[in-house]
Amino acid sequence: MLGSAAGLIGAGLAPAGAAHASGGPRRGPVDQHAVDAVAARLDGSLIDLRRQLHSHPETSGQEKRTAEVVAQRLRAAGLHVTTGVGGHGVVGLLTGSRRGRTVAYRADMDAVAPGDQVGGGPQAAHLCGHDLHTTVGVGVAEVLARLRHRLAGTVAFFFQPAEETLAGAAAMLDADVLGRVRPAEIHALHCGPFPVGQFVVTPGYGLPGQDRGVITLTGPDAVARARQLAAEISALGTVSRPSTGADLERLVADFQTPDGPLAEFVAMQAGVPAGDRAEVRVSYRCWPEERYAGVRDDIRRLARSAGPATVDFPKDPFPAMVCPPKEALALKRHLQHTAGRGRVGTAYAAIPFSGEDFALFLNRIPGTYTFLGVRSPGAAIETSYPHFGAFNPDERAIGHGVRAMAGWLAKRAVNPEA
């Protein structure tokens, strides 16, 4: 644990139930004006928190220090906190003074391992923005805790470990986090290569799942046949990984184009491991999710044509994250009203090269997954594209995310149809 609760409160956090930030209690439910007033007082503290988390990156399953910092901040704000949920997961519960629904917010905490970085260094680093995600989650909790006397229902905060390995959501679900809290819906933000303060909602879209397989060849010339088979399987891909800034710019544009080039895709990787092993390892993503069955059939067909071989796939691919249109469009309307129409975009495709285990939450309950722009004015796109070594998000995005999600969660806890 770092510091003390008293020190954090002295830095600007009042205990839950404190008077309204503008100078005394007010009647009526939480509104955006109240959220913005409280958030303005916390901006500096949250940027300091992000920098603290950023300087101590912890990879999947190792988020002990991050979890301790998060738990301390939540307790200092007056939330009921449970730690060790599905590994180093942290759950904070904030109950308002008015009757309402239970809604949840999820933030991931782990850093990117060296092997998953694009042009990064030899050490773990926060190159996917999870330090910023965690900070936004803490900020939302602190804002709403200040407004508890006007808050309806309960807001549950899930700080998730091990997103990068697609293991943390499953671990928290196996720990029955939804059964304990029983939220009606769940929401999340993720950094994206959009202008700082812009939001991109994802109605009916999200991120693809992932399938993996191993093909083992036997018989004469098995290694040579494996290399040929890997090339043939790779040719099933319809999109190539971006390698330049121009490629990334095109990808982001296609992502926001209705019926565009990313309406359907297969992002395929196939290769033969070093040495004399006659084996082809396959990893791919596709959209829509129904295409996995057909791609598996194509891989099996190519394997049969390559001679004696066995093909092994898991029972099912890892599922795609598909965001329910109803909730995403409701969030779009809310953000257009509170943040401004010019700051809200819409996704019309999924990004072929990324996945998310938030899919497992959305397979259980409805919710939203929204991109938060972190690109500084005039900055190269690589500075805002996750996993790139140059990733350097604009910290002003924290305040935008806190204001947007605090207002949204407070509203959803009152009336999901508003």
Protein backbone atom coordinates (compact mmCIF):
# COMPACT_ATOMS: atom_id res chain seq x y z
CA MET A 1 0.00 0.00 0.00
CA LEU A 2 1.26 3.47 -0.86
CA GLY A 3 0.62 6.50 1.30
CA SER A 4 -2.44 6.67 3.51
CA ALA A 5 -6.16 7.22 3.12
CA ALA A 6 -5.87 10.42 5.10
CA GLY A 7 -3.25 11.73 2.72
CA LEU A 8 -5.44 11.00 -0.29
CA ILE A 9 -8.44 12.71 1.25
CA GLY A 10 -6.30 15.71 2.05
CA ALA A 11 -5.25 15.84 -1.60
CA GLY A 12 -8.81 16.56 -2.68
CA LEU A 13 -11.03 13.55 -1.99
CA ALA A 14 -13.82 13.95 0.51
CA PRO A 15 -15.44 10.93 2.17
CA ALA A 16 -18.49 9.50 0.46
CA GLY A 17 -21.60 11.46 1.28
CA ALA A 18 -19.79 14.80 1.45
CA ALA A 19 -21.54 17.99 0.34
CA HIS A 20 -21.83 18.87 -3.33
CA ALA A 21 -18.63 20.28 -4.78
CA SER A 22 -20.25 23.57 -5.69
CA GLY A 23 -20.97 24.39 -2.07
CA GLY A 24 -23.66 22.32 -0.39
CA PRO A 25 -26.26 19.61 -0.90
CA ARG A 26 -28.64 19.80 -3.85
CA ARG A 27 -31.84 17.94 -4.59
CA GLY A 28 -32.51 15.82 -7.61
CA PRO A 29 -30.50 13.07 -9.29
CA VAL A 30 -26.92 13.45 -10.44
CA ASP A 31 -26.69 15.57 -13.57
CA GLN A 32 -23.81 16.35 -15.91
CA HIS A 33 -23.29 19.81 -14.44
CA ALA A 34 -22.64 18.29 -11.02
CA VAL A 35 -20.32 15.65 -12.50
CA ASP A 36 -18.30 18.25 -14.37
CA ALA A 37 -17.96 20.43 -11.28
CA VAL A 38 -16.58 17.61 -9.15
CA ALA A 39 -14.37 16.21 -11.93
CA ALA A 40 -12.70 19.57 -12.43
CA ARG A 41 -11.36 19.39 -8.88
CA LEU A 42 -9.88 15.93 -9.42
CA ASP A 43 -8.14 16.35 -12.78
CA GLY A 44 -4.66 16.98 -11.34
CA SER A 45 -4.86 14.13 -8.83
CA LEU A 46 -5.89 11.70 -11.55
CA ILE A 47 -3.07 12.68 -13.88
CA ASP A 48 -0.68 12.08 -10.99
CA LEU A 49 -2.26 8.66 -10.46
CA ARG A 50 -1.86 7.73 -14.12
CA ARG A 51 1.81 8.68 -14.05
CA GLN A 52 2.33 6.60 -10.93
CA LEU A 53 0.73 3.55 -12.54
CA HIS A 54 2.59 4.16 -15.78
CA SER A 55 5.95 4.11 -14.01
CA HIS A 56 5.25 0.69 -12.46
CA PRO A 57 3.89 -1.52 -15.28
CA GLU A 58 2.84 -5.02 -14.30
CA THR A 59 2.08 -7.73 -16.84
CA SER A 60 -0.89 -10.10 -16.83
CA GLY A 61 -1.30 -11.87 -13.51
CA GLN A 62 1.32 -9.69 -11.80
CA GLU A 63 -0.81 -6.59 -11.05
CA LYS A 64 -0.33 -6.72 -7.27
CA ARG A 65 0.95 -3.17 -6.78
CA THR A 66 -1.58 -1.69 -9.21
CA ALA A 67 -4.40 -3.47 -7.40
CA GLU A 68 -3.19 -2.15 -4.04
CA VAL A 69 -3.12 1.43 -5.31
CA VAL A 70 -6.61 1.07 -6.79
CA ALA A 71 -8.05 -0.51 -3.64
CA GLN A 72 -6.62 2.27 -1.48
CA ARG A 73 -8.08 5.02 -3.63
CA LEU A 74 -11.50 3.35 -3.64
CA ARG A 75 -11.51 2.83 0.11
CA ALA A 76 -10.46 6.44 0.65
CA ALA A 77 -13.48 7.50 -1.43
CA GLY A 78 -15.78 5.42 0.77
CA LEU A 79 -16.46 2.42 -1.46
CA HIS A 80 -16.83 -1.13 -0.18
CA VAL A 81 -13.80 -2.91 -1.66
CA THR A 82 -13.02 -6.58 -2.30
CA THR A 83 -9.58 -7.62 -3.52
CA GLY A 84 -8.18 -10.85 -4.94
CA VAL A 85 -11.13 -11.42 -7.28
CA GLY A 86 -9.97 -13.69 -10.09
CA GLY A 87 -6.31 -13.06 -9.29
CA HIS A 88 -5.48 -9.43 -8.57
CA GLY A 89 -8.94 -8.18 -9.51
CA VAL A 90 -10.51 -5.42 -7.42
CA VAL A 91 -14.24 -4.79 -7.01
CA GLY A 92 -15.54 -1.55 -5.52
CA LEU A 93 -19.20 -0.96 -4.70
CA LEU A 94 -20.71 2.49 -4.40
CA THR A 95 -24.30 2.61 -3.16
CA GLY A 96 -26.26 5.79 -3.65
CA SER A 97 -28.81 7.32 -1.32
CA ARG A 98 -31.71 6.79 -3.73
CA ARG A 99 -33.34 3.64 -5.07
CA GLY A 100 -32.19 2.54 -8.47
CA ARG A 101 -30.49 -0.15 -10.54
CA THR A 102 -27.04 -1.70 -10.26
CA VAL A 103 -24.71 -0.93 -13.15
CA ALA A 104 -21.06 -1.90 -13.57
CA TYR A 105 -17.93 -0.36 -15.03
CA ARG A 106 -14.88 -2.37 -16.02
CA ALA A 107 -11.26 -1.17 -16.33
CA ASP A 108 -8.27 -3.38 -17.18
CA MET A 109 -4.98 -2.99 -15.29
CA ASP A 110 -2.18 -5.00 -16.92
CA ALA A 111 0.72 -3.75 -19.02
CA VAL A 112 1.99 -5.10 -22.35
CA ALA A 113 4.72 -7.73 -22.30
CA PRO A 114 7.75 -7.11 -24.57
CA GLY A 115 6.75 -9.80 -27.04
CA ASP A 116 3.41 -8.09 -27.72
CA GLN A 117 4.84 -4.65 -28.43
CA VAL A 118 5.28 -3.22 -31.92
CA GLY A 119 8.69 -1.57 -32.00
CA GLY A 120 8.81 -1.44 -28.22
CA GLY A 121 11.59 -2.19 -25.78
CA PRO A 122 12.72 -5.18 -23.75
CA GLN A 123 10.60 -4.36 -20.69
CA ALA A 124 6.90 -4.45 -19.88
CA ALA A 125 5.24 -1.11 -20.60
CA HIS A 126 1.80 0.48 -20.54
CA LEU A 127 1.49 0.63 -24.32
CA CYS A 128 -2.19 -0.30 -24.46
CA GLY A 129 -3.45 2.45 -22.18
CA HIS A 130 -4.56 0.27 -19.29
CA ASP A 131 -2.94 2.69 -16.87
CA LEU A 132 -5.22 5.35 -18.33
CA HIS A 133 -8.24 2.99 -18.24
CA THR A 134 -7.60 2.26 -14.57
CA THR A 135 -7.24 5.95 -13.80
CA VAL A 136 -10.53 6.76 -15.53
CA GLY A 137 -12.25 4.03 -13.51
CA VAL A 138 -10.86 5.39 -10.25
CA GLY A 139 -11.85 8.91 -11.29
CA VAL A 140 -15.42 7.90 -12.05
CA ALA A 141 -15.66 6.21 -8.65
CA GLU A 142 -14.28 9.28 -6.88
CA VAL A 143 -16.63 11.66 -8.69
CA LEU A 144 -19.73 9.61 -8.00
CA ALA A 145 -18.68 9.03 -4.38
CA ARG A 146 -18.66 12.80 -3.93
CA LEU A 147 -22.20 12.83 -5.29
CA ARG A 148 -23.49 9.82 -3.37
CA HIS A 149 -26.20 11.90 -1.65
CA ARG A 150 -27.75 12.41 -5.12
CA LEU A 151 -26.80 9.06 -6.67
CA ALA A 152 -29.43 6.42 -7.35
CA GLY A 153 -28.78 2.69 -7.20
CA THR A 154 -25.38 1.05 -6.99
CA VAL A 155 -22.36 1.42 -9.25
CA ALA A 156 -19.93 -1.53 -9.25
CA PHE A 157 -16.36 -1.02 -10.41
CA PHE A 158 -14.49 -4.06 -11.76
CA PHE A 159 -10.73 -3.53 -12.05
CA GLN A 160 -9.67 -6.51 -14.10
CA PRO A 161 -6.29 -8.24 -14.32
CA ALA A 162 -4.85 -10.18 -17.26
CA GLU A 163 -6.70 -8.70 -20.21
CA GLU A 164 -3.67 -8.98 -22.47
CA THR A 165 -3.69 -12.77 -22.11
CA LEU A 166 -7.49 -12.96 -22.40
CA ALA A 167 -7.59 -14.66 -18.99
CA GLY A 168 -8.72 -12.00 -16.53
CA ALA A 169 -12.39 -11.65 -17.44
CA ALA A 170 -12.88 -15.41 -17.29
CA ALA A 171 -11.14 -15.53 -13.91
CA MET A 172 -13.38 -12.82 -12.47
CA LEU A 173 -16.46 -14.50 -13.88
CA ASP A 174 -15.32 -17.85 -12.44
CA ALA A 175 -15.09 -16.04 -9.09
CA ASP A 176 -18.82 -15.24 -9.58
CA VAL A 177 -18.34 -11.48 -9.72
CA LEU A 178 -21.63 -11.05 -11.58
CA GLY A 179 -23.47 -13.32 -9.17
CA ARG A 180 -22.19 -11.37 -6.19
CA VAL A 181 -22.95 -7.92 -7.60
CA ARG A 182 -25.80 -8.67 -10.04
CA PRO A 183 -25.39 -5.65 -12.32
CA ALA A 184 -28.03 -5.09 -14.98
CA GLU A 185 -25.38 -3.95 -17.48
CA ILE A 186 -21.66 -3.22 -17.79
CA HIS A 187 -19.64 -0.51 -19.56
CA ALA A 188 -16.04 0.12 -20.56
CA LEU A 189 -13.77 2.55 -22.40
CA HIS A 190 -10.61 1.82 -24.37
CA CYS A 191 -7.96 4.19 -25.72
CA GLY A 192 -8.16 4.73 -29.46
CA PRO A 193 -6.33 6.64 -32.22
CA PHE A 194 -8.89 9.42 -32.42
CA PRO A 195 -8.57 13.11 -31.50
CA VAL A 196 -8.29 13.59 -27.75
CA GLY A 197 -11.72 13.86 -26.18
CA GLN A 198 -13.55 12.21 -29.07
CA PHE A 199 -15.67 9.10 -28.44
CA VAL A 200 -16.46 6.34 -30.94
CA VAL A 201 -19.38 4.09 -30.03
CA THR A 202 -19.68 0.56 -31.40
CA PRO A 203 -23.32 -0.45 -32.00
CA GLY A 204 -23.40 -4.01 -33.32
CA TYR A 205 -19.61 -4.09 -33.62
CA GLY A 206 -16.63 -4.31 -31.29
CA LEU A 207 -13.59 -6.54 -31.76
CA PRO A 208 -13.14 -9.98 -33.32
CA GLY A 209 -12.54 -13.17 -31.45
CA GLN A 210 -9.59 -15.44 -32.13
CA ASP A 211 -9.01 -18.99 -33.25
CA ARG A 212 -5.82 -21.02 -33.05
CA GLY A 213 -4.84 -24.38 -34.47
CA VAL A 214 -1.92 -26.72 -34.98
CA ILE A 215 -1.40 -28.92 -38.04
CA THR A 216 1.14 -31.72 -37.72
CA LEU A 217 2.41 -33.30 -40.94
CA THR A 218 3.99 -36.74 -41.21
CA GLY A 219 5.67 -38.73 -43.92
CA PRO A 220 8.38 -37.86 -46.47
CA ASP A 221 9.37 -34.20 -46.86
CA ALA A 222 7.03 -33.25 -44.01
CA VAL A 223 8.95 -30.07 -43.09
CA ALA A 224 8.98 -28.79 -46.67
CA ARG A 225 5.29 -29.59 -47.04
CA ALA A 226 4.58 -27.76 -43.78
CA ARG A 227 6.23 -24.62 -45.11
CA GLN A 228 4.19 -24.79 -48.30
CA LEU A 229 1.01 -25.39 -46.33
CA ALA A 230 1.73 -22.38 -44.10
CA ALA A 231 1.98 -20.19 -47.19
CA GLU A 232 -1.30 -21.52 -48.56
CA ILE A 233 -3.10 -20.97 -45.26
CA SER A 234 -1.67 -17.45 -44.99
CA ALA A 235 -3.22 -16.69 -48.39
CA LEU A 236 -6.67 -17.15 -46.82
CA GLY A 237 -6.20 -13.77 -45.14
CA THR A 238 -7.99 -10.79 -46.65
CA VAL A 239 -6.27 -8.00 -44.68
CA SER A 240 -2.63 -7.24 -43.88
CA ARG A 241 -1.24 -5.84 -40.66
CA PRO A 242 -0.52 -2.10 -40.86
CA SER A 243 3.18 -1.33 -41.04
CA THR A 244 3.24 2.43 -41.66
CA GLY A 245 1.47 5.49 -40.36
CA ALA A 246 -0.44 5.71 -43.63
CA ASP A 247 -1.63 2.13 -43.15
CA LEU A 248 -2.91 3.02 -39.67
CA GLU A 249 -4.69 6.13 -40.93
CA ARG A 250 -6.41 4.04 -43.60
CA LEU A 251 -7.40 1.41 -41.04
CA VAL A 252 -8.98 4.03 -38.76
CA ALA A 253 -10.89 5.53 -41.71
CA ASP A 254 -12.14 2.10 -42.84
CA PHE A 255 -13.23 1.35 -39.27
CA GLN A 256 -15.67 4.28 -39.49
CA THR A 257 -16.94 3.59 -43.03
CA PRO A 258 -20.38 1.96 -43.42
CA ASP A 259 -20.22 -1.19 -45.59
CA GLY A 260 -16.52 -0.48 -46.12
CA PRO A 261 -13.48 -2.71 -46.64
CA LEU A 262 -13.68 -4.13 -43.09
CA ALA A 263 -17.32 -5.25 -43.26
CA GLU A 264 -15.93 -8.80 -43.59
CA PHE A 265 -12.36 -9.97 -43.14
CA VAL A 266 -9.97 -12.75 -42.22
CA ALA A 267 -6.74 -11.70 -40.50
CA MET A 268 -4.54 -14.80 -40.80
CA GLN A 269 -1.15 -15.77 -39.40
CA ALA A 270 0.40 -19.16 -40.17
CA GLY A 271 3.98 -20.27 -39.76
CA VAL A 272 6.34 -23.15 -39.12
CA PRO A 273 8.36 -23.04 -35.88
CA ALA A 274 12.13 -23.00 -36.06
CA GLY A 275 13.91 -26.33 -36.27
CA ASP A 276 12.86 -29.52 -37.97
CA ARG A 277 9.30 -29.74 -36.66
CA ALA A 278 6.80 -30.45 -39.41
CA GLU A 279 4.14 -28.31 -37.81
CA VAL A 280 2.05 -25.33 -38.89
CA ARG A 281 0.77 -23.01 -36.16
CA VAL A 282 -2.25 -20.96 -37.11
CA SER A 283 -3.76 -17.91 -35.42
CA TYR A 284 -6.47 -15.83 -37.02
CA ARG A 285 -9.39 -13.47 -36.45
CA CYS A 286 -12.41 -12.98 -38.66
CA TRP A 287 -15.63 -11.02 -38.95
CA PRO A 288 -18.44 -11.77 -38.73
CA GLU A 289 -17.99 -14.46 -36.11
CA GLU A 290 -19.93 -17.02 -38.15
CA ARG A 291 -16.99 -17.18 -40.58
CA TYR A 292 -14.85 -19.24 -38.20
CA ALA A 293 -16.56 -22.49 -39.19
CA GLY A 294 -15.87 -21.85 -42.89
CA VAL A 295 -12.25 -20.85 -42.29
CA ARG A 296 -11.66 -24.00 -40.27
CA ASP A 297 -13.08 -26.03 -43.16
CA ASP A 298 -10.72 -24.25 -45.59
CA ILE A 299 -7.72 -24.98 -43.36
CA ARG A 300 -8.66 -28.65 -43.05
CA ARG A 301 -9.09 -28.88 -46.84
CA LEU A 302 -5.64 -27.41 -47.44
CA ALA A 303 -4.14 -29.73 -44.82
CA ARG A 304 -5.63 -32.80 -46.52
CA SER A 305 -4.17 -31.71 -49.84
CA ALA A 306 -0.71 -31.44 -48.21
CA GLY A 307 -0.49 -35.16 -47.45
CA PRO A 308 -0.69 -37.07 -44.15
CA ALA A 309 -1.57 -34.56 -41.42
CA THR A 310 -3.59 -34.07 -38.24
CA VAL A 311 -5.44 -30.83 -37.53
CA ASP A 312 -6.17 -29.74 -33.96
CA PHE A 313 -8.42 -26.84 -32.98
CA PRO A 314 -9.93 -25.99 -29.59
CA LYS A 315 -13.60 -26.81 -29.19
CA ASP A 316 -14.57 -23.21 -29.93
CA PRO A 317 -12.72 -20.03 -30.91
CA PHE A 318 -12.43 -17.25 -28.34
CA PRO A 319 -15.63 -15.26 -28.84
CA ALA A 320 -15.92 -11.92 -30.58
CA MET A 321 -16.90 -8.87 -28.58
CA VAL A 322 -20.13 -7.62 -30.12
CA CYS A 323 -21.73 -4.57 -28.49
CA PRO A 324 -25.54 -4.51 -28.31
CA PRO A 325 -26.88 -1.76 -30.60
CA LYS A 326 -29.56 -0.60 -28.15
CA GLU A 327 -27.16 0.35 -25.38
CA ALA A 328 -24.50 1.74 -27.71
CA LEU A 329 -26.98 4.00 -29.48
CA ALA A 330 -28.34 5.18 -26.14
CA LEU A 331 -24.79 6.10 -25.11
CA LYS A 332 -24.30 7.89 -28.43
CA ARG A 333 -27.36 10.05 -27.79
CA HIS A 334 -26.19 10.74 -24.24
CA LEU A 335 -22.71 11.79 -25.35
CA GLN A 336 -24.05 13.94 -28.17
CA HIS A 337 -26.14 15.78 -25.60
CA THR A 338 -23.47 16.11 -22.90
CA ALA A 339 -20.19 16.27 -24.85
CA GLY A 340 -21.42 17.64 -28.19
CA ARG A 341 -22.37 16.02 -31.48
CA GLY A 342 -18.99 16.81 -33.03
CA ARG A 343 -17.20 14.70 -30.42
CA VAL A 344 -19.09 11.46 -31.03
CA GLY A 345 -18.33 9.07 -33.87
CA THR A 346 -19.62 5.61 -34.78
CA ALA A 347 -17.84 2.39 -35.66
CA TYR A 348 -19.14 0.47 -38.66
CA ALA A 349 -16.62 -2.36 -38.50
CA ALA A 350 -14.32 -4.24 -36.16
CA ILE A 351 -10.55 -3.76 -36.04
CA PRO A 352 -9.06 -6.98 -37.49
CA PHE A 353 -5.91 -7.17 -35.37
CA SER A 354 -7.19 -6.75 -31.81
CA GLY A 355 -9.34 -8.73 -29.41
CA GLU A 356 -10.91 -8.19 -25.99
CA ASP A 357 -11.95 -10.50 -23.19
CA PHE A 358 -14.62 -7.95 -22.26
CA ALA A 359 -16.51 -10.13 -24.75
CA LEU A 360 -17.13 -12.59 -21.92
CA PHE A 361 -18.92 -9.95 -19.85
CA LEU A 362 -21.05 -8.83 -22.80
CA ASN A 363 -21.99 -12.46 -23.45
CA ARG A 364 -23.60 -12.47 -19.98
CA ILE A 365 -25.18 -9.01 -19.69
CA PRO A 366 -25.72 -6.03 -22.02
CA GLY A 367 -23.43 -3.02 -22.02
CA THR A 368 -21.17 -0.78 -24.06
CA TYR A 369 -17.53 -0.65 -25.13
CA THR A 370 -16.48 2.73 -26.44
CA PHE A 371 -13.25 4.12 -27.81
CA LEU A 372 -11.83 7.20 -26.11
CA GLY A 373 -9.67 9.38 -28.32
CA VAL A 374 -6.15 9.92 -26.94
CA ARG A 375 -4.37 11.47 -29.96
CA SER A 376 -2.78 14.83 -29.31
CA PRO A 377 -3.29 17.55 -31.94
CA GLY A 378 -0.68 17.17 -34.67
CA ALA A 379 0.77 13.96 -33.24
CA ALA A 380 1.64 10.97 -35.42
CA ILE A 381 -0.97 8.24 -35.28
CA GLU A 382 1.52 5.76 -33.78
CA THR A 383 1.45 7.83 -30.57
CA SER A 384 -2.20 6.92 -30.03
CA TYR A 385 -2.35 3.41 -31.48
CA PRO A 386 -2.18 0.73 -28.74
CA HIS A 387 0.79 -1.65 -28.58
CA PHE A 388 3.08 0.58 -30.63
CA GLY A 389 6.33 1.52 -28.92
CA ALA A 390 5.61 5.19 -29.66
CA PHE A 391 2.27 5.05 -27.80
CA ASN A 392 1.98 8.25 -25.76
CA PRO A 393 -1.65 9.13 -25.05
CA ASP A 394 -2.75 12.68 -24.36
CA GLU A 395 -3.48 12.75 -20.62
CA ARG A 396 -6.33 15.20 -21.13
CA ALA A 397 -8.32 12.15 -22.27
CA ILE A 398 -8.57 11.10 -18.62
CA GLY A 399 -10.80 14.03 -17.73
CA HIS A 400 -12.97 13.49 -20.81
CA GLY A 401 -13.41 9.81 -19.96
CA VAL A 402 -14.22 10.49 -16.30
CA ARG A 403 -16.85 13.10 -17.11
CA ALA A 404 -18.49 10.99 -19.80
CA MET A 405 -18.65 7.75 -17.86
CA ALA A 406 -19.63 9.27 -14.51
CA GLY A 407 -22.57 11.03 -16.13
CA TRP A 408 -23.53 7.94 -18.12
CA LEU A 409 -23.39 5.51 -15.18
CA ALA A 410 -25.36 7.86 -12.93
CA LYS A 411 -28.03 8.12 -15.61
CA ARG A 412 -28.20 4.38 -16.28
CA ALA A 413 -28.60 3.65 -12.58
CA VAL A 414 -31.76 5.78 -12.62
CA ASN A 415 -33.44 4.97 -15.92
CA PRO A 416 -32.13 2.71 -18.68
CA GLU A 417 -34.66 4.09 -21.17
CA ALA A 418 -33.69 7.74 -20.75
